[in-house]
């Protein structure tokens, strides 16, 4: 059984550094919608770095499968949570979810020719 404690430590250190850096970025952002992007990076980068450290350090197949499933669940649920949070922020700011014509947000319908060209 081969252990690589230095490599594992470096990977875990990088995961922690990414989490701290993007947490600070989240704290200094002015808008709630901007803050959502920083949480996604932590889940998308720190999670796989931790999974790689576990994969390298532990030769047990069950541990490896579990960490991969945990990271996949974390990344998948992060996308769902970000969408739900953005929707809740919009409802809180606007009072409703629907688009107001005064916002000038382009709406593409199935009948629109531009949607077919894209």
Protein backbone atom coordinates (compact mmCIF):
# COMPACT_ATOMS: atom_id res chain seq x y z
CA UNK A 1 0.00 0.00 0.00
CA UNK A 2 1.62 3.22 -1.19
CA UNK A 3 0.93 6.54 0.51
CA UNK A 4 1.74 9.95 -0.89
CA UNK A 5 1.27 12.24 2.12
CA UNK A 6 2.93 15.24 0.50
CA UNK A 7 0.76 15.07 -2.62
CA UNK A 8 -2.35 14.51 -0.52
CA UNK A 9 -1.45 17.48 1.68
CA UNK A 10 -0.89 19.69 -1.36
CA UNK A 11 -4.25 18.71 -2.86
CA UNK A 12 -6.09 19.31 0.42
CA UNK A 13 -4.22 22.61 0.89
CA UNK A 14 -5.28 23.72 -2.58
CA UNK A 15 -8.88 22.77 -1.82
CA UNK A 16 -8.82 24.85 1.35
CA UNK A 17 -7.09 27.78 -0.40
CA UNK A 18 -9.71 27.78 -3.17
CA UNK A 19 -12.52 27.68 -0.60
CA UNK A 20 -11.03 30.57 1.41
CA UNK A 21 -10.25 32.67 -1.67
CA UNK A 22 -13.71 32.34 -3.17
CA UNK A 23 -15.39 32.79 0.21
CA UNK A 24 -13.60 36.12 0.50
CA UNK A 25 -14.71 36.94 -3.04
CA UNK A 26 -18.26 36.10 -2.06
CA UNK A 27 -18.00 38.44 0.93
CA UNK A 28 -16.84 41.45 -1.11
CA UNK A 29 -19.31 41.17 -3.98
CA UNK A 30 -21.93 43.92 -4.08
CA UNK A 31 -24.85 41.97 -5.55
CA UNK A 32 -26.48 38.75 -4.38
CA UNK A 33 -26.53 37.39 -7.93
CA UNK A 34 -22.74 37.89 -8.18
CA UNK A 35 -22.25 36.02 -4.90
CA UNK A 36 -23.94 32.92 -6.32
CA UNK A 37 -21.12 32.40 -8.82
CA UNK A 38 -18.47 32.18 -6.12
CA UNK A 39 -20.20 29.31 -4.32
CA UNK A 40 -20.30 27.29 -7.51
CA UNK A 41 -16.53 27.48 -7.89
CA UNK A 42 -15.96 26.12 -4.40
CA UNK A 43 -18.19 23.13 -5.10
CA UNK A 44 -16.73 22.62 -8.57
CA UNK A 45 -13.03 22.84 -7.70
CA UNK A 46 -12.55 22.06 -4.00
CA UNK A 47 -14.75 18.96 -4.12
CA UNK A 48 -12.82 17.27 -6.94
CA UNK A 49 -9.49 18.18 -5.30
CA UNK A 50 -10.61 16.49 -2.08
CA UNK A 51 -11.87 13.50 -4.07
CA UNK A 52 -8.51 13.22 -5.82
CA UNK A 53 -6.71 13.34 -2.46
CA UNK A 54 -8.90 10.54 -1.11
CA UNK A 55 -8.44 8.53 -4.32
CA UNK A 56 -4.65 8.79 -4.02
CA UNK A 57 -4.44 8.12 -0.29
CA UNK A 58 -6.96 5.30 0.12
CA UNK A 59 -6.80 2.15 -1.99
CA UNK A 60 -10.17 0.88 -0.79
CA UNK A 61 -12.60 0.70 -3.72
CA UNK A 62 -15.58 1.44 -1.50
CA UNK A 63 -14.02 4.69 -0.25
CA UNK A 64 -13.20 5.75 -3.78
CA UNK A 65 -16.72 5.10 -5.03
CA UNK A 66 -18.23 6.95 -2.07
CA UNK A 67 -16.09 10.06 -2.56
CA UNK A 68 -16.87 10.19 -6.28
CA UNK A 69 -20.61 9.89 -5.57
CA UNK A 70 -20.38 12.59 -2.89
CA UNK A 71 -18.59 15.00 -5.22
CA UNK A 72 -21.04 14.34 -8.06
CA UNK A 73 -23.96 14.93 -5.70
CA UNK A 74 -22.33 18.12 -4.41
CA UNK A 75 -21.80 19.53 -7.91
CA UNK A 76 -25.29 18.53 -9.08
CA UNK A 77 -27.05 19.90 -6.00
CA UNK A 78 -25.02 23.10 -6.19
CA UNK A 79 -26.54 23.85 -9.59
CA UNK A 80 -30.05 23.25 -8.27
CA UNK A 81 -29.43 25.29 -5.14
CA UNK A 82 -27.96 28.19 -7.14
CA UNK A 83 -31.00 28.27 -9.41
CA UNK A 84 -33.45 28.13 -6.51
CA UNK A 85 -31.54 30.85 -4.66
CA UNK A 86 -31.47 33.12 -7.73
CA UNK A 87 -35.18 32.62 -8.17
CA UNK A 88 -35.83 33.45 -4.49
CA UNK A 89 -33.68 36.60 -4.76
CA UNK A 90 -35.66 37.74 -7.80
CA UNK A 91 -38.99 37.10 -6.10
CA UNK A 92 -37.82 39.04 -3.06
CA UNK A 93 -36.60 41.98 -5.16
CA UNK A 94 -39.45 42.10 -7.69
CA UNK A 95 -42.29 40.61 -5.68
CA UNK A 96 -42.94 38.06 -8.43
CA UNK A 97 -41.09 35.73 -10.80
CA UNK A 98 -42.58 36.87 -14.12
CA UNK A 99 -40.69 39.24 -16.41
CA UNK A 100 -41.93 42.82 -16.49
CA UNK A 101 -41.90 44.47 -19.96
CA UNK A 102 -40.14 47.52 -18.48
CA UNK A 103 -37.08 45.33 -17.70
CA UNK A 104 -36.36 44.97 -21.45
CA UNK A 105 -35.35 41.33 -21.16
CA UNK A 106 -35.62 39.66 -24.58
CA UNK A 107 -38.05 36.76 -24.57
CA UNK A 108 -37.53 34.08 -27.22
CA UNK A 109 -40.62 32.13 -28.13
CA UNK A 110 -40.76 28.92 -30.21
CA UNK A 111 -42.27 30.93 -33.08
CA UNK A 112 -39.37 33.40 -33.15
CA UNK A 113 -37.12 33.02 -36.23
CA UNK A 114 -34.02 34.00 -34.26
CA UNK A 115 -34.43 30.94 -32.03
CA UNK A 116 -34.29 28.66 -35.10
CA UNK A 117 -31.16 30.33 -36.48
CA UNK A 118 -29.16 29.97 -33.25
